[in-house]
Amino acid sequence: MMRPLDDKAQGSQILILMLLMFVMIFIFGDLTVSSWIATTLDELFYPLIGFGGSSPILTIILAGIIVVFLSSFFNNLFTDWKKMGEMQEMSRAFQKEITSARKSGNTNKVNKLMKMQPEIMRKQTEAQSGMMKPMIFLFIFIVPIFIWLRYFLGGLSYYYFTVPWANGVLLYDKPFLMQAWLWIYMIFAFVVGQVMRQGLKWISWSDWWKQTKSKIFPSSK
């Protein structure tokens, strides 16, 4: 009885993800829409982190901080890390038990464990259900910032930076498949993101965060 519910929940998550990907492709592909988003956000971000176009690397870093913070915040807001941890431990214990039972030829134990599998899958689906919700905010807040960053860099006259092994690296050079500015953005976002996500995960275990989250989502009490 549980498996159809699990398949339905997983199917809904995949459908949402596909819909969001379609919207992203449409926004990036339609010049009218992406230009409108970029010029609208330019009025906010250019005075805030544009620095008159004189420090593009700093702009990329600050834009990365904004994106990483928003993605980490919403991911932490909708994810129950305690439940996720419990489910990971339960899944590991289940796999260990069923592997041991199969190796020892204990058919009765294997059958009993297989009957428990639908319930474990249901709980895993429940624990992971909050992982899709941050994707909505990802597209609402983060994708537009990325569109603006691309627009901002496209209008620069100062479009190179210095590294220890070269005096002038163009932001639009492609050293490895992607443009240099995108490598800077991704590397910085990955490093800072790891630190920020771990910090927010630690905060999520505190009583302060539990009280704050219960006020935002009364049903999570």
C-alpha atoms as a PDB file:
ATOM      1  CA  MET A   1       0.000   0.000   0.000  1.00  0.00           C
ATOM      2  CA  MET A   2       2.883   2.362   0.655  1.00  0.00           C
ATOM      3  CA  ARG A   3       4.756   1.970  -2.622  1.00  0.00           C
ATOM      4  CA  PRO A   4       2.154   3.752  -4.837  1.00  0.00           C
ATOM      5  CA  LEU A   5       2.241   6.728  -2.481  1.00  0.00           C
ATOM      6  CA  ASP A   6       6.045   6.821  -2.676  1.00  0.00           C
ATOM      7  CA  ASP A   7       5.965   6.653  -6.475  1.00  0.00           C
ATOM      8  CA  LYS A   8       3.358   9.419  -6.605  1.00  0.00           C
ATOM      9  CA  ALA A   9       5.409  11.682  -4.308  1.00  0.00           C
ATOM     10  CA  GLN A  10       8.605  11.059  -6.252  1.00  0.00           C
ATOM     11  CA  GLY A  11       6.756  11.641  -9.530  1.00  0.00           C
ATOM     12  CA  SER A  12       5.460  14.978  -8.247  1.00  0.00           C
ATOM     13  CA  GLN A  13       8.971  16.072  -7.268  1.00  0.00           C
ATOM     14  CA  ILE A  14      10.345  15.123 -10.678  1.00  0.00           C
ATOM     15  CA  LEU A  15       7.489  17.002 -12.369  1.00  0.00           C
ATOM     16  CA  ILE A  16       8.228  20.137 -10.335  1.00  0.00           C
ATOM     17  CA  LEU A  17      11.927  19.889 -11.151  1.00  0.00           C
ATOM     18  CA  MET A  18      11.210  19.499 -14.875  1.00  0.00           C
ATOM     19  CA  LEU A  19       8.845  22.470 -14.788  1.00  0.00           C
ATOM     20  CA  LEU A  20      11.446  24.645 -13.074  1.00  0.00           C
ATOM     21  CA  MET A  21      14.085  23.590 -15.595  1.00  0.00           C
ATOM     22  CA  PHE A  22      11.730  24.505 -18.435  1.00  0.00           C
ATOM     23  CA  VAL A  23      11.131  27.929 -16.896  1.00  0.00           C
ATOM     24  CA  MET A  24      14.892  28.459 -16.489  1.00  0.00           C
ATOM     25  CA  ILE A  25      15.559  27.509 -20.124  1.00  0.00           C
ATOM     26  CA  PHE A  26      12.798  29.858 -21.243  1.00  0.00           C
ATOM     27  CA  ILE A  27      14.125  32.769 -19.170  1.00  0.00           C
ATOM     28  CA  PHE A  28      17.716  32.313 -20.333  1.00  0.00           C
ATOM     29  CA  GLY A  29      16.672  31.683 -23.912  1.00  0.00           C
ATOM     30  CA  ASP A  30      14.233  34.560 -24.301  1.00  0.00           C
ATOM     31  CA  LEU A  31      16.282  37.749 -24.738  1.00  0.00           C
ATOM     32  CA  THR A  32      13.313  39.986 -23.984  1.00  0.00           C
ATOM     33  CA  VAL A  33      12.600  38.372 -20.621  1.00  0.00           C
ATOM     34  CA  SER A  34      16.247  38.027 -19.557  1.00  0.00           C
ATOM     35  CA  SER A  35      17.031  41.622 -20.633  1.00  0.00           C
ATOM     36  CA  TRP A  36      14.074  42.950 -18.662  1.00  0.00           C
ATOM     37  CA  ILE A  37      15.187  41.038 -15.548  1.00  0.00           C
ATOM     38  CA  ALA A  38      18.794  42.187 -15.969  1.00  0.00           C
ATOM     39  CA  THR A  39      17.999  45.893 -16.485  1.00  0.00           C
ATOM     40  CA  THR A  40      15.517  45.887 -13.607  1.00  0.00           C
ATOM     41  CA  LEU A  41      17.987  44.343 -11.184  1.00  0.00           C
ATOM     42  CA  ASP A  42      20.767  46.579 -12.488  1.00  0.00           C
ATOM     43  CA  GLU A  43      19.097  49.537 -10.793  1.00  0.00           C
ATOM     44  CA  LEU A  44      19.541  47.754  -7.457  1.00  0.00           C
ATOM     45  CA  PHE A  45      22.771  45.794  -7.759  1.00  0.00           C
ATOM     46  CA  TYR A  46      24.901  48.172  -9.801  1.00  0.00           C
ATOM     47  CA  PRO A  47      24.961  50.878  -7.073  1.00  0.00           C
ATOM     48  CA  LEU A  48      25.224  48.176  -4.393  1.00  0.00           C
ATOM     49  CA  ILE A  49      27.983  45.867  -5.658  1.00  0.00           C
ATOM     50  CA  GLY A  50      28.837  47.182  -9.133  1.00  0.00           C
ATOM     51  CA  PHE A  51      31.595  49.580  -8.004  1.00  0.00           C
ATOM     52  CA  GLY A  52      31.240  51.455 -11.273  1.00  0.00           C
ATOM     53  CA  GLY A  53      32.612  48.443 -13.132  1.00  0.00           C
ATOM     54  CA  SER A  54      36.107  48.986 -11.710  1.00  0.00           C
ATOM     55  CA  SER A  55      36.272  45.794  -9.597  1.00  0.00           C
ATOM     56  CA  PRO A  56      34.561  42.978 -11.510  1.00  0.00           C
ATOM     57  CA  ILE A  57      36.184  40.226  -9.436  1.00  0.00           C
ATOM     58  CA  LEU A  58      34.849  41.770  -6.237  1.00  0.00           C
ATOM     59  CA  THR A  59      31.426  42.056  -7.848  1.00  0.00           C
ATOM     60  CA  ILE A  60      31.522  38.376  -8.808  1.00  0.00           C
ATOM     61  CA  ILE A  61      32.526  37.424  -5.242  1.00  0.00           C
ATOM     62  CA  LEU A  62      29.794  39.520  -3.622  1.00  0.00           C
ATOM     63  CA  ALA A  63      27.191  38.219  -6.059  1.00  0.00           C
ATOM     64  CA  GLY A  64      28.360  34.716  -5.164  1.00  0.00           C
ATOM     65  CA  ILE A  65      27.945  35.468  -1.457  1.00  0.00           C
ATOM     66  CA  ILE A  66      24.376  36.656  -2.029  1.00  0.00           C
ATOM     67  CA  VAL A  67      23.507  33.590  -4.109  1.00  0.00           C
ATOM     68  CA  VAL A  68      25.153  31.136  -1.696  1.00  0.00           C
ATOM     69  CA  PHE A  69      23.514  32.737   1.323  1.00  0.00           C
ATOM     70  CA  LEU A  70      20.035  32.664  -0.232  1.00  0.00           C
ATOM     71  CA  SER A  71      20.374  29.071  -1.460  1.00  0.00           C
ATOM     72  CA  SER A  72      21.822  27.903   1.869  1.00  0.00           C
ATOM     73  CA  PHE A  73      19.224  29.777   3.892  1.00  0.00           C
ATOM     74  CA  PHE A  74      16.210  28.407   2.038  1.00  0.00           C
ATOM     75  CA  ASN A  75      17.690  24.920   1.944  1.00  0.00           C
ATOM     76  CA  ASN A  76      18.206  25.051   5.697  1.00  0.00           C
ATOM     77  CA  LEU A  77      14.734  26.525   6.218  1.00  0.00           C
ATOM     78  CA  PHE A  78      12.921  23.671   4.512  1.00  0.00           C
ATOM     79  CA  THR A  79      15.198  20.755   5.439  1.00  0.00           C
ATOM     80  CA  ASP A  80      14.810  18.819   8.664  1.00  0.00           C
ATOM     81  CA  TRP A  81      18.458  17.826   9.165  1.00  0.00           C
ATOM     82  CA  LYS A  82      17.659  15.770  12.242  1.00  0.00           C
ATOM     83  CA  LYS A  83      15.129  13.672  10.350  1.00  0.00           C
ATOM     84  CA  MET A  84      17.515  13.369   7.401  1.00  0.00           C
ATOM     85  CA  GLY A  85      20.257  12.098   9.730  1.00  0.00           C
ATOM     86  CA  GLU A  86      17.913   9.603  11.369  1.00  0.00           C
ATOM     87  CA  MET A  87      16.800   8.283   7.979  1.00  0.00           C
ATOM     88  CA  GLN A  88      20.388   7.915   6.771  1.00  0.00           C
ATOM     89  CA  GLU A  89      21.240   5.876   9.883  1.00  0.00           C
ATOM     90  CA  MET A  90      18.078   3.783   9.467  1.00  0.00           C
ATOM     91  CA  SER A  91      18.855   3.149   5.801  1.00  0.00           C
ATOM     92  CA  ARG A  92      22.438   2.108   6.557  1.00  0.00           C
ATOM     93  CA  ALA A  93      21.272  -0.229   9.321  1.00  0.00           C
ATOM     94  CA  PHE A  94      18.619  -1.731   7.041  1.00  0.00           C
ATOM     95  CA  GLN A  95      21.095  -2.349   4.214  1.00  0.00           C
ATOM     96  CA  LYS A  96      23.564  -3.899   6.650  1.00  0.00           C
ATOM     97  CA  GLU A  97      20.940  -6.245   8.065  1.00  0.00           C
ATOM     98  CA  ILE A  98      19.542  -7.363   4.722  1.00  0.00           C
ATOM     99  CA  THR A  99      23.037  -7.911   3.279  1.00  0.00           C
ATOM    100  CA  SER A 100      23.988 -10.002   6.294  1.00  0.00           C
ATOM    101  CA  ALA A 101      20.754 -12.007   6.044  1.00  0.00           C
ATOM    102  CA  ARG A 102      21.280 -12.739   2.354  1.00  0.00           C
ATOM    103  CA  LYS A 103      24.886 -13.805   2.866  1.00  0.00           C
ATOM    104  CA  SER A 104      23.883 -16.180   5.677  1.00  0.00           C
ATOM    105  CA  GLY A 105      20.962 -17.547   3.651  1.00  0.00           C
ATOM    106  CA  ASN A 106      18.402 -16.505   6.287  1.00  0.00           C
ATOM    107  CA  THR A 107      15.337 -16.403   4.009  1.00  0.00           C
ATOM    108  CA  ASN A 108      12.838 -15.699   6.811  1.00  0.00           C
ATOM    109  CA  LYS A 109      14.768 -12.644   7.953  1.00  0.00           C
ATOM    110  CA  VAL A 110      15.130 -11.402   4.369  1.00  0.00           C
ATOM    111  CA  ASN A 111      11.358 -11.683   3.849  1.00  0.00           C
ATOM    112  CA  LYS A 112      10.651  -9.822   7.089  1.00  0.00           C
ATOM    113  CA  LEU A 113      13.062  -7.044   6.123  1.00  0.00           C
ATOM    114  CA  MET A 114      11.573  -6.764   2.637  1.00  0.00           C
ATOM    115  CA  LYS A 115       8.147  -6.244   4.193  1.00  0.00           C
ATOM    116  CA  MET A 116       9.634  -3.336   6.154  1.00  0.00           C
ATOM    117  CA  GLN A 117      11.136  -1.731   3.040  1.00  0.00           C
ATOM    118  CA  PRO A 118       7.987   0.156   1.853  1.00  0.00           C
ATOM    119  CA  GLU A 119       7.674   1.858   5.245  1.00  0.00           C
ATOM    120  CA  ILE A 120      11.337   2.849   5.225  1.00  0.00           C
ATOM    121  CA  MET A 121      10.973   4.220   1.688  1.00  0.00           C
ATOM    122  CA  ARG A 122       7.910   6.193   2.770  1.00  0.00           C
ATOM    123  CA  LYS A 123       9.840   7.792   5.610  1.00  0.00           C
ATOM    124  CA  GLN A 124      12.742   8.563   3.280  1.00  0.00           C
ATOM    125  CA  THR A 125      10.349  10.277   0.882  1.00  0.00           C
ATOM    126  CA  GLU A 126       8.915  12.332   3.739  1.00  0.00           C
ATOM    127  CA  ALA A 127      12.400  13.345   4.891  1.00  0.00           C
ATOM    128  CA  GLN A 128      13.429  14.332   1.380  1.00  0.00           C
ATOM    129  CA  SER A 129      10.190  16.104   0.474  1.00  0.00           C
ATOM    130  CA  GLY A 130      11.492  19.426   1.763  1.00  0.00           C
ATOM    131  CA  MET A 131      14.498  19.301  -0.566  1.00  0.00           C
ATOM    132  CA  MET A 132      12.396  20.383  -3.572  1.00  0.00           C
ATOM    133  CA  LYS A 133      10.929  23.472  -1.930  1.00  0.00           C
ATOM    134  CA  PRO A 134      14.190  25.479  -1.961  1.00  0.00           C
ATOM    135  CA  MET A 135      14.299  24.994  -5.741  1.00  0.00           C
ATOM    136  CA  ILE A 136      11.347  27.356  -6.069  1.00  0.00           C
ATOM    137  CA  PHE A 137      13.205  30.103  -4.225  1.00  0.00           C
ATOM    138  CA  LEU A 138      16.321  29.228  -6.214  1.00  0.00           C
ATOM    139  CA  PHE A 139      14.553  30.299  -9.386  1.00  0.00           C
ATOM    140  CA  ILE A 140      12.749  33.264  -7.845  1.00  0.00           C
ATOM    141  CA  PHE A 141      15.804  34.915  -6.284  1.00  0.00           C
ATOM    142  CA  ILE A 142      19.025  33.298  -7.438  1.00  0.00           C
ATOM    143  CA  VAL A 143      18.521  32.844 -11.186  1.00  0.00           C
ATOM    144  CA  PRO A 144      17.700  36.552 -11.699  1.00  0.00           C
ATOM    145  CA  ILE A 145      20.899  37.518  -9.849  1.00  0.00           C
ATOM    146  CA  PHE A 146      22.901  35.263 -12.138  1.00  0.00           C
ATOM    147  CA  ILE A 147      21.210  36.844 -15.180  1.00  0.00           C
ATOM    148  CA  TRP A 148      22.143  40.294 -13.888  1.00  0.00           C
ATOM    149  CA  LEU A 149      25.743  39.238 -13.310  1.00  0.00           C
ATOM    150  CA  ARG A 150      26.043  38.079 -16.903  1.00  0.00           C
ATOM    151  CA  TYR A 151      24.516  41.356 -18.092  1.00  0.00           C
ATOM    152  CA  PHE A 152      26.817  43.422 -15.867  1.00  0.00           C
ATOM    153  CA  LEU A 153      29.988  41.691 -17.035  1.00  0.00           C
ATOM    154  CA  GLY A 154      28.918  42.057 -20.669  1.00  0.00           C
ATOM    155  CA  GLY A 155      29.031  45.846 -20.365  1.00  0.00           C
ATOM    156  CA  LEU A 156      32.481  46.163 -18.789  1.00  0.00           C
ATOM    157  CA  SER A 157      35.407  47.954 -20.354  1.00  0.00           C
ATOM    158  CA  TYR A 158      37.744  46.553 -17.646  1.00  0.00           C
ATOM    159  CA  TYR A 159      37.360  42.860 -18.428  1.00  0.00           C
ATOM    160  CA  TYR A 160      40.550  41.140 -17.330  1.00  0.00           C
ATOM    161  CA  PHE A 161      42.259  40.214 -14.072  1.00  0.00           C
ATOM    162  CA  THR A 162      45.735  39.295 -12.871  1.00  0.00           C
ATOM    163  CA  VAL A 163      46.847  35.949 -11.469  1.00  0.00           C
ATOM    164  CA  PRO A 164      50.292  34.730 -10.278  1.00  0.00           C
ATOM    165  CA  TRP A 165      50.954  32.938 -13.574  1.00  0.00           C
ATOM    166  CA  ALA A 166      49.574  35.597 -15.966  1.00  0.00           C
ATOM    167  CA  ASN A 167      49.358  39.392 -16.062  1.00  0.00           C
ATOM    168  CA  GLY A 168      46.056  39.568 -17.880  1.00  0.00           C
ATOM    169  CA  VAL A 169      43.386  36.867 -17.986  1.00  0.00           C
ATOM    170  CA  LEU A 170      40.235  37.770 -19.868  1.00  0.00           C
ATOM    171  CA  LEU A 171      37.003  37.209 -17.994  1.00  0.00           C
ATOM    172  CA  TYR A 172      35.584  35.617 -21.140  1.00  0.00           C
ATOM    173  CA  ASP A 173      38.479  33.255 -21.857  1.00  0.00           C
ATOM    174  CA  LYS A 174      37.583  29.553 -21.711  1.00  0.00           C
ATOM    175  CA  PRO A 175      40.479  27.777 -19.974  1.00  0.00           C
ATOM    176  CA  PHE A 176      38.404  24.635 -19.305  1.00  0.00           C
ATOM    177  CA  LEU A 177      35.078  24.509 -21.125  1.00  0.00           C
ATOM    178  CA  MET A 178      33.624  27.498 -19.231  1.00  0.00           C
ATOM    179  CA  GLN A 179      34.500  31.181 -19.209  1.00  0.00           C
ATOM    180  CA  ALA A 180      36.998  32.380 -16.604  1.00  0.00           C
ATOM    181  CA  TRP A 181      34.498  34.530 -14.695  1.00  0.00           C
ATOM    182  CA  LEU A 182      32.194  31.531 -14.305  1.00  0.00           C
ATOM    183  CA  TRP A 183      35.057  29.436 -12.918  1.00  0.00           C
ATOM    184  CA  ILE A 184      35.805  32.187 -10.374  1.00  0.00           C
ATOM    185  CA  TYR A 185      32.155  32.331  -9.425  1.00  0.00           C
ATOM    186  CA  MET A 186      31.710  28.557  -9.090  1.00  0.00           C
ATOM    187  CA  ILE A 187      34.932  27.903  -7.159  1.00  0.00           C
ATOM    188  CA  PHE A 188      34.269  30.714  -4.716  1.00  0.00           C
ATOM    189  CA  ALA A 189      30.601  29.768  -4.336  1.00  0.00           C
ATOM    190  CA  PHE A 190      31.544  26.124  -3.677  1.00  0.00           C
ATOM    191  CA  VAL A 191      34.080  26.951  -0.952  1.00  0.00           C
ATOM    192  CA  VAL A 192      31.970  29.591   0.786  1.00  0.00           C
ATOM    193  CA  GLY A 193      28.840  27.514   0.308  1.00  0.00           C
ATOM    194  CA  GLN A 194      30.323  24.534   2.140  1.00  0.00           C
ATOM    195  CA  VAL A 195      31.265  26.697   5.114  1.00  0.00           C
ATOM    196  CA  MET A 196      27.933  28.516   5.146  1.00  0.00           C
ATOM    197  CA  ARG A 197      25.829  25.373   4.818  1.00  0.00           C
ATOM    198  CA  GLN A 198      27.707  23.651   7.633  1.00  0.00           C
ATOM    199  CA  GLY A 199      27.284  26.731   9.801  1.00  0.00           C
ATOM    200  CA  LEU A 200      23.563  26.941   9.107  1.00  0.00           C
ATOM    201  CA  LYS A 201      23.216  23.205   9.697  1.00  0.00           C
ATOM    202  CA  TRP A 202      24.875  23.661  13.111  1.00  0.00           C
ATOM    203  CA  ILE A 203      22.542  26.562  13.910  1.00  0.00           C
ATOM    204  CA  SER A 204      19.531  24.445  12.901  1.00  0.00           C
ATOM    205  CA  TRP A 205      20.231  22.164  15.870  1.00  0.00           C
ATOM    206  CA  SER A 206      19.976  25.040  18.343  1.00  0.00           C
ATOM    207  CA  ASP A 207      16.860  25.777  20.408  1.00  0.00           C
ATOM    208  CA  TRP A 208      16.814  29.331  19.007  1.00  0.00           C
ATOM    209  CA  TRP A 209      16.423  28.094  15.438  1.00  0.00           C
ATOM    210  CA  LYS A 210      13.760  25.545  16.417  1.00  0.00           C
ATOM    211  CA  GLN A 211      11.723  28.311  18.062  1.00  0.00           C
ATOM    212  CA  THR A 212      12.232  30.637  15.097  1.00  0.00           C
ATOM    213  CA  LYS A 213      11.266  27.952  12.581  1.00  0.00           C
ATOM    214  CA  SER A 214       8.167  27.031  14.570  1.00  0.00           C
ATOM    215  CA  LYS A 215       7.039  30.666  14.318  1.00  0.00           C
ATOM    216  CA  ILE A 216       7.575  30.690  10.550  1.00  0.00           C
ATOM    217  CA  PHE A 217       6.004  27.236  10.089  1.00  0.00           C
ATOM    218  CA  PRO A 218       3.635  26.584  13.030  1.00  0.00           C
ATOM    219  CA  SER A 219       3.000  23.061  11.704  1.00  0.00           C
ATOM    220  CA  SER A 220       6.650  22.132  12.306  1.00  0.00           C
ATOM    221  CA  LYS A 221       6.289  22.284  16.088  1.00  0.00           C
END
